Amino acid sequence: VIGMADHRTAAARLQSSGRFSRNPIYH
């Protein structure tokens, strides 16, 4: 669960790393 006000940038950072494909992401 993204705990940052700018959830879009945070989600993009996680997804672009390619390391979190197994983890569902919510905001």
mmCIF file of all heavy atoms, coordinates in Angstrom:
data_MODEL
# 
_entry.id   MODEL 
# 
loop_
_atom_site.group_PDB 
_atom_site.id 
_atom_site.type_symbol 
_atom_site.label_atom_id 
_atom_site.label_alt_id 
_atom_site.label_comp_id 
_atom_site.label_asym_id 
_atom_site.label_entity_id 
_atom_site.label_seq_id 
_atom_site.pdbx_PDB_ins_code 
_atom_site.Cartn_x 
_atom_site.Cartn_y 
_atom_site.Cartn_z 
_atom_site.occupancy 
_atom_site.B_iso_or_equiv 
_atom_site.pdbx_formal_charge 
_atom_site.auth_seq_id 
_atom_site.auth_comp_id 
_atom_site.auth_asym_id 
_atom_site.auth_atom_id 
_atom_site.pdbx_PDB_model_num 
ATOM 1   N N   . VAL A 1 1  ? 0.870  -1.179  0.000   1.00 0.00 ? 1  VAL A N   1 
ATOM 2   C CA  . VAL A 1 1  ? 0.000  0.000   0.000   1.00 0.00 ? 1  VAL A CA  1 
ATOM 3   C C   . VAL A 1 1  ? 0.903  1.223   0.000   1.00 0.00 ? 1  VAL A C   1 
ATOM 4   O O   . VAL A 1 1  ? 1.739  1.381   0.892   1.00 0.00 ? 1  VAL A O   1 
ATOM 5   C CB  . VAL A 1 1  ? -0.937 0.021   1.221   1.00 0.00 ? 1  VAL A CB  1 
ATOM 6   C CG1 . VAL A 1 1  ? -1.756 1.307   1.232   1.00 0.00 ? 1  VAL A CG1 1 
ATOM 7   C CG2 . VAL A 1 1  ? -1.861 -1.188  1.204   1.00 0.00 ? 1  VAL A CG2 1 
ATOM 8   N N   . ILE A 1 2  ? 0.761  2.061   -0.992  1.00 0.00 ? 2  ILE A N   1 
ATOM 9   C CA  . ILE A 1 2  ? 1.613  3.242   -1.100  1.00 0.00 ? 2  ILE A CA  1 
ATOM 10  C C   . ILE A 1 2  ? 1.221  4.245   -0.021  1.00 0.00 ? 2  ILE A C   1 
ATOM 11  O O   . ILE A 1 2  ? 0.060  4.635   0.095   1.00 0.00 ? 2  ILE A O   1 
ATOM 12  C CB  . ILE A 1 2  ? 1.506  3.868   -2.501  1.00 0.00 ? 2  ILE A CB  1 
ATOM 13  C CG1 . ILE A 1 2  ? 2.081  2.894   -3.534  1.00 0.00 ? 2  ILE A CG1 1 
ATOM 14  C CG2 . ILE A 1 2  ? 2.240  5.207   -2.559  1.00 0.00 ? 2  ILE A CG2 1 
ATOM 15  C CD1 . ILE A 1 2  ? 1.905  3.334   -4.960  1.00 0.00 ? 2  ILE A CD1 1 
ATOM 16  N N   . GLY A 1 3  ? 2.215  4.654   0.772   1.00 0.00 ? 3  GLY A N   1 
ATOM 17  C CA  . GLY A 1 3  ? 1.980  5.614   1.848   1.00 0.00 ? 3  GLY A CA  1 
ATOM 18  C C   . GLY A 1 3  ? 2.614  6.950   1.550   1.00 0.00 ? 3  GLY A C   1 
ATOM 19  O O   . GLY A 1 3  ? 3.239  7.549   2.420   1.00 0.00 ? 3  GLY A O   1 
ATOM 20  N N   . MET A 1 4  ? 2.449  7.406   0.335   1.00 0.00 ? 4  MET A N   1 
ATOM 21  C CA  . MET A 1 4  ? 2.984  8.701   -0.079  1.00 0.00 ? 4  MET A CA  1 
ATOM 22  C C   . MET A 1 4  ? 1.890  9.477   -0.788  1.00 0.00 ? 4  MET A C   1 
ATOM 23  O O   . MET A 1 4  ? 1.075  8.895   -1.515  1.00 0.00 ? 4  MET A O   1 
ATOM 24  C CB  . MET A 1 4  ? 4.188  8.522   -1.006  1.00 0.00 ? 4  MET A CB  1 
ATOM 25  C CG  . MET A 1 4  ? 5.308  7.687   -0.407  1.00 0.00 ? 4  MET A CG  1 
ATOM 26  S SD  . MET A 1 4  ? 6.652  7.454   -1.590  1.00 0.00 ? 4  MET A SD  1 
ATOM 27  C CE  . MET A 1 4  ? 7.559  6.129   -0.768  1.00 0.00 ? 4  MET A CE  1 
ATOM 28  N N   . ALA A 1 5  ? 1.883  10.781  -0.592  1.00 0.00 ? 5  ALA A N   1 
ATOM 29  C CA  . ALA A 1 5  ? 0.847  11.608  -1.209  1.00 0.00 ? 5  ALA A CA  1 
ATOM 30  C C   . ALA A 1 5  ? 0.898  11.510  -2.725  1.00 0.00 ? 5  ALA A C   1 
ATOM 31  O O   . ALA A 1 5  ? -0.135 11.418  -3.389  1.00 0.00 ? 5  ALA A O   1 
ATOM 32  C CB  . ALA A 1 5  ? 1.011  13.054  -0.759  1.00 0.00 ? 5  ALA A CB  1 
ATOM 33  N N   . ASP A 1 6  ? 2.101  11.513  -3.294  1.00 0.00 ? 6  ASP A N   1 
ATOM 34  C CA  . ASP A 1 6  ? 2.256  11.379  -4.739  1.00 0.00 ? 6  ASP A CA  1 
ATOM 35  C C   . ASP A 1 6  ? 2.315  9.904   -5.084  1.00 0.00 ? 6  ASP A C   1 
ATOM 36  O O   . ASP A 1 6  ? 3.378  9.349   -5.375  1.00 0.00 ? 6  ASP A O   1 
ATOM 37  C CB  . ASP A 1 6  ? 3.510  12.123  -5.201  1.00 0.00 ? 6  ASP A CB  1 
ATOM 38  C CG  . ASP A 1 6  ? 3.655  12.151  -6.717  1.00 0.00 ? 6  ASP A CG  1 
ATOM 39  O OD1 . ASP A 1 6  ? 2.803  11.555  -7.406  1.00 0.00 ? 6  ASP A OD1 1 
ATOM 40  O OD2 . ASP A 1 6  ? 4.626  12.755  -7.206  1.00 0.00 ? 6  ASP A OD2 1 
ATOM 41  N N   . HIS A 1 7  ? 1.157  9.259   -5.058  1.00 0.00 ? 7  HIS A N   1 
ATOM 42  C CA  . HIS A 1 7  ? 1.116  7.808   -5.256  1.00 0.00 ? 7  HIS A CA  1 
ATOM 43  C C   . HIS A 1 7  ? 1.491  7.430   -6.686  1.00 0.00 ? 7  HIS A C   1 
ATOM 44  O O   . HIS A 1 7  ? 2.006  6.339   -6.933  1.00 0.00 ? 7  HIS A O   1 
ATOM 45  C CB  . HIS A 1 7  ? -0.262 7.267   -4.892  1.00 0.00 ? 7  HIS A CB  1 
ATOM 46  C CG  . HIS A 1 7  ? -1.377 7.797   -5.739  1.00 0.00 ? 7  HIS A CG  1 
ATOM 47  N ND1 . HIS A 1 7  ? -1.735 7.229   -6.931  1.00 0.00 ? 7  HIS A ND1 1 
ATOM 48  C CD2 . HIS A 1 7  ? -2.204 8.858   -5.563  1.00 0.00 ? 7  HIS A CD2 1 
ATOM 49  C CE1 . HIS A 1 7  ? -2.753 7.894   -7.455  1.00 0.00 ? 7  HIS A CE1 1 
ATOM 50  N NE2 . HIS A 1 7  ? -3.048 8.891   -6.655  1.00 0.00 ? 7  HIS A NE2 1 
ATOM 51  N N   . ARG A 1 8  ? 1.254  8.310   -7.640  1.00 0.00 ? 8  ARG A N   1 
ATOM 52  C CA  . ARG A 1 8  ? 1.576  7.995   -9.029  1.00 0.00 ? 8  ARG A CA  1 
ATOM 53  C C   . ARG A 1 8  ? 3.094  7.819   -9.225  1.00 0.00 ? 8  ARG A C   1 
ATOM 54  O O   . ARG A 1 8  ? 3.546  6.848   -9.821  1.00 0.00 ? 8  ARG A O   1 
ATOM 55  C CB  . ARG A 1 8  ? 1.045  9.091   -9.953  1.00 0.00 ? 8  ARG A CB  1 
ATOM 56  C CG  . ARG A 1 8  ? -0.467 9.059   -10.133 1.00 0.00 ? 8  ARG A CG  1 
ATOM 57  C CD  . ARG A 1 8  ? -0.960 10.240  -10.940 1.00 0.00 ? 8  ARG A CD  1 
ATOM 58  N NE  . ARG A 1 8  ? -2.351 10.092  -11.295 1.00 0.00 ? 8  ARG A NE  1 
ATOM 59  C CZ  . ARG A 1 8  ? -3.358 10.343  -10.467 1.00 0.00 ? 8  ARG A CZ  1 
ATOM 60  N NH1 . ARG A 1 8  ? -3.092 10.784  -9.241  1.00 0.00 ? 8  ARG A NH1 1 
ATOM 61  N NH2 . ARG A 1 8  ? -4.612 10.175  -10.849 1.00 0.00 ? 8  ARG A NH2 1 
ATOM 62  N N   . THR A 1 9  ? 3.867  8.775   -8.721  1.00 0.00 ? 9  THR A N   1 
ATOM 63  C CA  . THR A 1 9  ? 5.319  8.677   -8.842  1.00 0.00 ? 9  THR A CA  1 
ATOM 64  C C   . THR A 1 9  ? 5.856  7.469   -8.089  1.00 0.00 ? 9  THR A C   1 
ATOM 65  O O   . THR A 1 9  ? 6.748  6.756   -8.570  1.00 0.00 ? 9  THR A O   1 
ATOM 66  C CB  . THR A 1 9  ? 5.978  9.966   -8.323  1.00 0.00 ? 9  THR A CB  1 
ATOM 67  O OG1 . THR A 1 9  ? 5.535  11.072  -9.111  1.00 0.00 ? 9  THR A OG1 1 
ATOM 68  C CG2 . THR A 1 9  ? 7.491  9.881   -8.393  1.00 0.00 ? 9  THR A CG2 1 
ATOM 69  N N   . ALA A 1 10 ? 5.301  7.227   -6.891  1.00 0.00 ? 10 ALA A N   1 
ATOM 70  C CA  . ALA A 1 10 ? 5.753  6.087   -6.089  1.00 0.00 ? 10 ALA A CA  1 
ATOM 71  C C   . ALA A 1 10 ? 5.458  4.769   -6.799  1.00 0.00 ? 10 ALA A C   1 
ATOM 72  O O   . ALA A 1 10 ? 6.317  3.874   -6.840  1.00 0.00 ? 10 ALA A O   1 
ATOM 73  C CB  . ALA A 1 10 ? 5.084  6.120   -4.724  1.00 0.00 ? 10 ALA A CB  1 
ATOM 74  N N   . ALA A 1 11 ? 4.253  4.637   -7.362  1.00 0.00 ? 11 ALA A N   1 
ATOM 75  C CA  . ALA A 1 11 ? 3.901  3.401   -8.066  1.00 0.00 ? 11 ALA A CA  1 
ATOM 76  C C   . ALA A 1 11 ? 4.779  3.210   -9.299  1.00 0.00 ? 11 ALA A C   1 
ATOM 77  O O   . ALA A 1 11 ? 5.232  2.092   -9.591  1.00 0.00 ? 11 ALA A O   1 
ATOM 78  C CB  . ALA A 1 11 ? 2.428  3.433   -8.460  1.00 0.00 ? 11 ALA A CB  1 
ATOM 79  N N   . ALA A 1 12 ? 5.036  4.295   -10.024 1.00 0.00 ? 12 ALA A N   1 
ATOM 80  C CA  . ALA A 1 12 ? 5.891  4.194   -11.211 1.00 0.00 ? 12 ALA A CA  1 
ATOM 81  C C   . ALA A 1 12 ? 7.300  3.757   -10.832 1.00 0.00 ? 12 ALA A C   1 
ATOM 82  O O   . ALA A 1 12 ? 7.936  2.969   -11.557 1.00 0.00 ? 12 ALA A O   1 
ATOM 83  C CB  . ALA A 1 12 ? 5.919  5.542   -11.938 1.00 0.00 ? 12 ALA A CB  1 
ATOM 84  N N   . ARG A 1 13 ? 7.790  4.252   -9.692  1.00 0.00 ? 13 ARG A N   1 
ATOM 85  C CA  . ARG A 1 13 ? 9.124  3.875   -9.234  1.00 0.00 ? 13 ARG A CA  1 
ATOM 86  C C   . ARG A 1 13 ? 9.179  2.376   -8.928  1.00 0.00 ? 13 ARG A C   1 
ATOM 87  O O   . ARG A 1 13 ? 10.156 1.697   -9.290  1.00 0.00 ? 13 ARG A O   1 
ATOM 88  C CB  . ARG A 1 13 ? 9.505  4.708   -8.009  1.00 0.00 ? 13 ARG A CB  1 
ATOM 89  C CG  . ARG A 1 13 ? 10.912 4.477   -7.522  1.00 0.00 ? 13 ARG A CG  1 
ATOM 90  C CD  . ARG A 1 13 ? 11.399 5.633   -6.653  1.00 0.00 ? 13 ARG A CD  1 
ATOM 91  N NE  . ARG A 1 13 ? 10.558 5.882   -5.494  1.00 0.00 ? 13 ARG A NE  1 
ATOM 92  C CZ  . ARG A 1 13 ? 9.851  7.003   -5.297  1.00 0.00 ? 13 ARG A CZ  1 
ATOM 93  N NH1 . ARG A 1 13 ? 9.883  7.980   -6.178  1.00 0.00 ? 13 ARG A NH1 1 
ATOM 94  N NH2 . ARG A 1 13 ? 9.120  7.157   -4.208  1.00 0.00 ? 13 ARG A NH2 1 
ATOM 95  N N   . LEU A 1 14 ? 8.171  1.860   -8.269  1.00 0.00 ? 14 LEU A N   1 
ATOM 96  C CA  . LEU A 1 14 ? 8.142  0.435   -7.951  1.00 0.00 ? 14 LEU A CA  1 
ATOM 97  C C   . LEU A 1 14 ? 8.047  -0.414  -9.214  1.00 0.00 ? 14 LEU A C   1 
ATOM 98  O O   . LEU A 1 14 ? 8.764  -1.404  -9.380  1.00 0.00 ? 14 LEU A O   1 
ATOM 99  C CB  . LEU A 1 14 ? 6.959  0.136   -7.030  1.00 0.00 ? 14 LEU A CB  1 
ATOM 100 C CG  . LEU A 1 14 ? 6.995  0.743   -5.619  1.00 0.00 ? 14 LEU A CG  1 
ATOM 101 C CD1 . LEU A 1 14 ? 5.694  0.441   -4.887  1.00 0.00 ? 14 LEU A CD1 1 
ATOM 102 C CD2 . LEU A 1 14 ? 8.185  0.233   -4.821  1.00 0.00 ? 14 LEU A CD2 1 
ATOM 103 N N   . GLN A 1 15 ? 7.137  -0.007  -10.097 1.00 0.00 ? 15 GLN A N   1 
ATOM 104 C CA  . GLN A 1 15 ? 6.895  -0.817  -11.288 1.00 0.00 ? 15 GLN A CA  1 
ATOM 105 C C   . GLN A 1 15 ? 8.073  -0.785  -12.254 1.00 0.00 ? 15 GLN A C   1 
ATOM 106 O O   . GLN A 1 15 ? 8.407  -1.798  -12.878 1.00 0.00 ? 15 GLN A O   1 
ATOM 107 C CB  . GLN A 1 15 ? 5.610  -0.333  -11.963 1.00 0.00 ? 15 GLN A CB  1 
ATOM 108 C CG  . GLN A 1 15 ? 4.363  -0.635  -11.135 1.00 0.00 ? 15 GLN A CG  1 
ATOM 109 C CD  . GLN A 1 15 ? 3.147  0.165   -11.546 1.00 0.00 ? 15 GLN A CD  1 
ATOM 110 O OE1 . GLN A 1 15 ? 3.232  1.067   -12.389 1.00 0.00 ? 15 GLN A OE1 1 
ATOM 111 N NE2 . GLN A 1 15 ? 1.998  -0.143  -10.952 1.00 0.00 ? 15 GLN A NE2 1 
ATOM 112 N N   . SER A 1 16 ? 8.718  0.377   -12.383 1.00 0.00 ? 16 SER A N   1 
ATOM 113 C CA  . SER A 1 16 ? 9.818  0.489   -13.340 1.00 0.00 ? 16 SER A CA  1 
ATOM 114 C C   . SER A 1 16 ? 11.044 -0.309  -12.898 1.00 0.00 ? 16 SER A C   1 
ATOM 115 O O   . SER A 1 16 ? 11.888 -0.673  -13.724 1.00 0.00 ? 16 SER A O   1 
ATOM 116 C CB  . SER A 1 16 ? 10.202 1.959   -13.532 1.00 0.00 ? 16 SER A CB  1 
ATOM 117 O OG  . SER A 1 16 ? 10.719 2.511   -12.323 1.00 0.00 ? 16 SER A OG  1 
ATOM 118 N N   . SER A 1 17 ? 11.139 -0.589  -11.601 1.00 0.00 ? 17 SER A N   1 
ATOM 119 C CA  . SER A 1 17 ? 12.295 -1.353  -11.116 1.00 0.00 ? 17 SER A CA  1 
ATOM 120 C C   . SER A 1 17 ? 12.241 -2.802  -11.561 1.00 0.00 ? 17 SER A C   1 
ATOM 121 O O   . SER A 1 17 ? 13.272 -3.491  -11.611 1.00 0.00 ? 17 SER A O   1 
ATOM 122 C CB  . SER A 1 17 ? 12.362 -1.298  -9.587  1.00 0.00 ? 17 SER A CB  1 
ATOM 123 O OG  . SER A 1 17 ? 11.356 -2.123  -9.008  1.00 0.00 ? 17 SER A OG  1 
ATOM 124 N N   . GLY A 1 18 ? 11.035 -3.300  -11.845 1.00 0.00 ? 18 GLY A N   1 
ATOM 125 C CA  . GLY A 1 18 ? 10.881 -4.683  -12.261 1.00 0.00 ? 18 GLY A CA  1 
ATOM 126 C C   . GLY A 1 18 ? 11.019 -5.698  -11.147 1.00 0.00 ? 18 GLY A C   1 
ATOM 127 O O   . GLY A 1 18 ? 11.035 -6.904  -11.406 1.00 0.00 ? 18 GLY A O   1 
ATOM 128 N N   . ARG A 1 19 ? 11.110 -5.226  -9.903  1.00 0.00 ? 19 ARG A N   1 
ATOM 129 C CA  . ARG A 1 19 ? 11.383 -6.137  -8.782  1.00 0.00 ? 19 ARG A CA  1 
ATOM 130 C C   . ARG A 1 19 ? 10.127 -6.487  -7.977  1.00 0.00 ? 19 ARG A C   1 
ATOM 131 O O   . ARG A 1 19 ? 10.199 -7.300  -7.053  1.00 0.00 ? 19 ARG A O   1 
ATOM 132 C CB  . ARG A 1 19 ? 12.423 -5.509  -7.841  1.00 0.00 ? 19 ARG A CB  1 
ATOM 133 C CG  . ARG A 1 19 ? 13.714 -5.107  -8.536  1.00 0.00 ? 19 ARG A CG  1 
ATOM 134 C CD  . ARG A 1 19 ? 14.670 -4.431  -7.569  1.00 0.00 ? 19 ARG A CD  1 
ATOM 135 N NE  . ARG A 1 19 ? 15.227 -5.350  -6.585  1.00 0.00 ? 19 ARG A NE  1 
ATOM 136 C CZ  . ARG A 1 19 ? 15.906 -4.988  -5.506  1.00 0.00 ? 19 ARG A CZ  1 
ATOM 137 N NH1 . ARG A 1 19 ? 16.095 -3.676  -5.264  1.00 0.00 ? 19 ARG A NH1 1 
ATOM 138 N NH2 . ARG A 1 19 ? 16.385 -5.873  -4.664  1.00 0.00 ? 19 ARG A NH2 1 
ATOM 139 N N   . PHE A 1 20 ? 8.996  -5.886  -8.319  1.00 0.00 ? 20 PHE A N   1 
ATOM 140 C CA  . PHE A 1 20 ? 7.798  -6.045  -7.480  1.00 0.00 ? 20 PHE A CA  1 
ATOM 141 C C   . PHE A 1 20 ? 6.641  -6.687  -8.243  1.00 0.00 ? 20 PHE A C   1 
ATOM 142 O O   . PHE A 1 20 ? 5.473  -6.475  -7.911  1.00 0.00 ? 20 PHE A O   1 
ATOM 143 C CB  . PHE A 1 20 ? 7.360  -4.683  -6.937  1.00 0.00 ? 20 PHE A CB  1 
ATOM 144 C CG  . PHE A 1 20 ? 8.390  -4.018  -6.063  1.00 0.00 ? 20 PHE A CG  1 
ATOM 145 C CD1 . PHE A 1 20 ? 9.342  -3.184  -6.616  1.00 0.00 ? 20 PHE A CD1 1 
ATOM 146 C CD2 . PHE A 1 20 ? 8.420  -4.246  -4.700  1.00 0.00 ? 20 PHE A CD2 1 
ATOM 147 C CE1 . PHE A 1 20 ? 10.306 -2.565  -5.827  1.00 0.00 ? 20 PHE A CE1 1 
ATOM 148 C CE2 . PHE A 1 20 ? 9.381  -3.645  -3.899  1.00 0.00 ? 20 PHE A CE2 1 
ATOM 149 C CZ  . PHE A 1 20 ? 10.322 -2.804  -4.465  1.00 0.00 ? 20 PHE A CZ  1 
ATOM 150 N N   . SER A 1 21 ? 6.956  -7.481  -9.252  1.00 0.00 ? 21 SER A N   1 
ATOM 151 C CA  . SER A 1 21 ? 5.900  -8.061  -10.094 1.00 0.00 ? 21 SER A CA  1 
ATOM 152 C C   . SER A 1 21 ? 4.996  -9.013  -9.320  1.00 0.00 ? 21 SER A C   1 
ATOM 153 O O   . SER A 1 21 ? 3.830  -9.215  -9.681  1.00 0.00 ? 21 SER A O   1 
ATOM 154 C CB  . SER A 1 21 ? 6.525  -8.782  -11.289 1.00 0.00 ? 21 SER A CB  1 
ATOM 155 O OG  . SER A 1 21 ? 7.421  -9.792  -10.849 1.00 0.00 ? 21 SER A OG  1 
ATOM 156 N N   . ARG A 1 22 ? 5.507  -9.595  -8.242  1.00 0.00 ? 22 ARG A N   1 
ATOM 157 C CA  . ARG A 1 22 ? 4.697  -10.537 -7.456  1.00 0.00 ? 22 ARG A CA  1 
ATOM 158 C C   . ARG A 1 22 ? 3.841  -9.846  -6.403  1.00 0.00 ? 22 ARG A C   1 
ATOM 159 O O   . ARG A 1 22 ? 3.027  -10.507 -5.741  1.00 0.00 ? 22 ARG A O   1 
ATOM 160 C CB  . ARG A 1 22 ? 5.599  -11.567 -6.777  1.00 0.00 ? 22 ARG A CB  1 
ATOM 161 C CG  . ARG A 1 22 ? 6.468  -10.995 -5.664  1.00 0.00 ? 22 ARG A CG  1 
ATOM 162 C CD  . ARG A 1 22 ? 7.496  -11.983 -5.154  1.00 0.00 ? 22 ARG A CD  1 
ATOM 163 N NE  . ARG A 1 22 ? 8.338  -11.427 -4.103  1.00 0.00 ? 22 ARG A NE  1 
ATOM 164 C CZ  . ARG A 1 22 ? 8.214  -11.725 -2.813  1.00 0.00 ? 22 ARG A CZ  1 
ATOM 165 N NH1 . ARG A 1 22 ? 7.283  -12.580 -2.415  1.00 0.00 ? 22 ARG A NH1 1 
ATOM 166 N NH2 . ARG A 1 22 ? 9.026  -11.179 -1.926  1.00 0.00 ? 22 ARG A NH2 1 
ATOM 167 N N   . ASN A 1 23 ? 4.034  -8.552  -6.227  1.00 0.00 ? 23 ASN A N   1 
ATOM 168 C CA  . ASN A 1 23 ? 3.337  -7.835  -5.161  1.00 0.00 ? 23 ASN A CA  1 
ATOM 169 C C   . ASN A 1 23 ? 2.237  -6.944  -5.727  1.00 0.00 ? 23 ASN A C   1 
ATOM 170 O O   . ASN A 1 23 ? 2.521  -6.015  -6.495  1.00 0.00 ? 23 ASN A O   1 
ATOM 171 C CB  . ASN A 1 23 ? 4.318  -6.952  -4.387  1.00 0.00 ? 23 ASN A CB  1 
ATOM 172 C CG  . ASN A 1 23 ? 5.476  -7.716  -3.797  1.00 0.00 ? 23 ASN A CG  1 
ATOM 173 O OD1 . ASN A 1 23 ? 6.567  -7.719  -4.354  1.00 0.00 ? 23 ASN A OD1 1 
ATOM 174 N ND2 . ASN A 1 23 ? 5.229  -8.372  -2.685  1.00 0.00 ? 23 ASN A ND2 1 
ATOM 175 N N   . PRO A 1 24 ? 0.970  -7.189  -5.372  1.00 0.00 ? 24 PRO A N   1 
ATOM 176 C CA  . PRO A 1 24 ? -0.092 -6.264  -5.784  1.00 0.00 ? 24 PRO A CA  1 
ATOM 177 C C   . PRO A 1 24 ? 0.080  -4.917  -5.079  1.00 0.00 ? 24 PRO A C   1 
ATOM 178 O O   . PRO A 1 24 ? 0.473  -4.857  -3.913  1.00 0.00 ? 24 PRO A O   1 
ATOM 179 C CB  . PRO A 1 24 ? -1.376 -6.959  -5.335  1.00 0.00 ? 24 PRO A CB  1 
ATOM 180 C CG  . PRO A 1 24 ? -0.952 -7.917  -4.273  1.00 0.00 ? 24 PRO A CG  1 
ATOM 181 C CD  . PRO A 1 24 ? 0.465  -8.315  -4.583  1.00 0.00 ? 24 PRO A CD  1 
ATOM 182 N N   . ILE A 1 25 ? -0.159 -3.845  -5.807  1.00 0.00 ? 25 ILE A N   1 
ATOM 183 C CA  . ILE A 1 25 ? 0.076  -2.496  -5.301  1.00 0.00 ? 25 ILE A CA  1 
ATOM 184 C C   . ILE A 1 25 ? -1.247 -1.737  -5.227  1.00 0.00 ? 25 ILE A C   1 
ATOM 185 O O   . ILE A 1 25 ? -2.015 -1.717  -6.197  1.00 0.00 ? 25 ILE A O   1 
ATOM 186 C CB  . ILE A 1 25 ? 1.082  -1.741  -6.199  1.00 0.00 ? 25 ILE A CB  1 
ATOM 187 C CG1 . ILE A 1 25 ? 2.417  -2.483  -6.242  1.00 0.00 ? 25 ILE A CG1 1 
ATOM 188 C CG2 . ILE A 1 25 ? 1.274  -0.310  -5.713  1.00 0.00 ? 25 ILE A CG2 1 
ATOM 189 C CD1 . ILE A 1 25 ? 3.412  -1.907  -7.237  1.00 0.00 ? 25 ILE A CD1 1 
ATOM 190 N N   . TYR A 1 26 ? -1.478 -1.088  -4.080  1.00 0.00 ? 26 TYR A N   1 
ATOM 191 C CA  . TYR A 1 26 ? -2.711 -0.331  -3.856  1.00 0.00 ? 26 TYR A CA  1 
ATOM 192 C C   . TYR A 1 26 ? -2.335 1.092   -3.412  1.00 0.00 ? 26 TYR A C   1 
ATOM 193 O O   . TYR A 1 26 ? -1.232 1.342   -2.923  1.00 0.00 ? 26 TYR A O   1 
ATOM 194 C CB  . TYR A 1 26 ? -3.570 -0.979  -2.766  1.00 0.00 ? 26 TYR A CB  1 
ATOM 195 C CG  . TYR A 1 26 ? -3.914 -2.431  -3.031  1.00 0.00 ? 26 TYR A CG  1 
ATOM 196 C CD1 . TYR A 1 26 ? -3.025 -3.454  -2.666  1.00 0.00 ? 26 TYR A CD1 1 
ATOM 197 C CD2 . TYR A 1 26 ? -5.108 -2.781  -3.626  1.00 0.00 ? 26 TYR A CD2 1 
ATOM 198 C CE1 . TYR A 1 26 ? -3.330 -4.789  -2.907  1.00 0.00 ? 26 TYR A CE1 1 
ATOM 199 C CE2 . TYR A 1 26 ? -5.432 -4.120  -3.865  1.00 0.00 ? 26 TYR A CE2 1 
ATOM 200 C CZ  . TYR A 1 26 ? -4.540 -5.103  -3.498  1.00 0.00 ? 26 TYR A CZ  1 
ATOM 201 O OH  . TYR A 1 26 ? -4.834 -6.422  -3.727  1.00 0.00 ? 26 TYR A OH  1 
ATOM 202 N N   . HIS A 1 27 ? -3.262 2.001   -3.557  1.00 0.00 ? 27 HIS A N   1 
ATOM 203 C CA  . HIS A 1 27 ? -3.098 3.351   -3.009  1.00 0.00 ? 27 HIS A CA  1 
ATOM 204 C C   . HIS A 1 27 ? -4.448 3.855   -2.536  1.00 0.00 ? 27 HIS A C   1 
ATOM 205 O O   . HIS A 1 27 ? -5.503 3.423   -3.031  1.00 0.00 ? 27 HIS A O   1 
ATOM 206 C CB  . HIS A 1 27 ? -2.506 4.308   -4.048  1.00 0.00 ? 27 HIS A CB  1 
ATOM 207 C CG  . HIS A 1 27 ? -3.481 4.704   -5.115  1.00 0.00 ? 27 HIS A CG  1 
ATOM 208 N ND1 . HIS A 1 27 ? -3.640 3.988   -6.280  1.00 0.00 ? 27 HIS A ND1 1 
ATOM 209 C CD2 . HIS A 1 27 ? -4.361 5.736   -5.178  1.00 0.00 ? 27 HIS A CD2 1 
ATOM 210 C CE1 . HIS A 1 27 ? -4.566 4.547   -7.015  1.00 0.00 ? 27 HIS A CE1 1 
ATOM 211 N NE2 . HIS A 1 27 ? -5.030 5.612   -6.383  1.00 0.00 ? 27 HIS A NE2 1 
# 
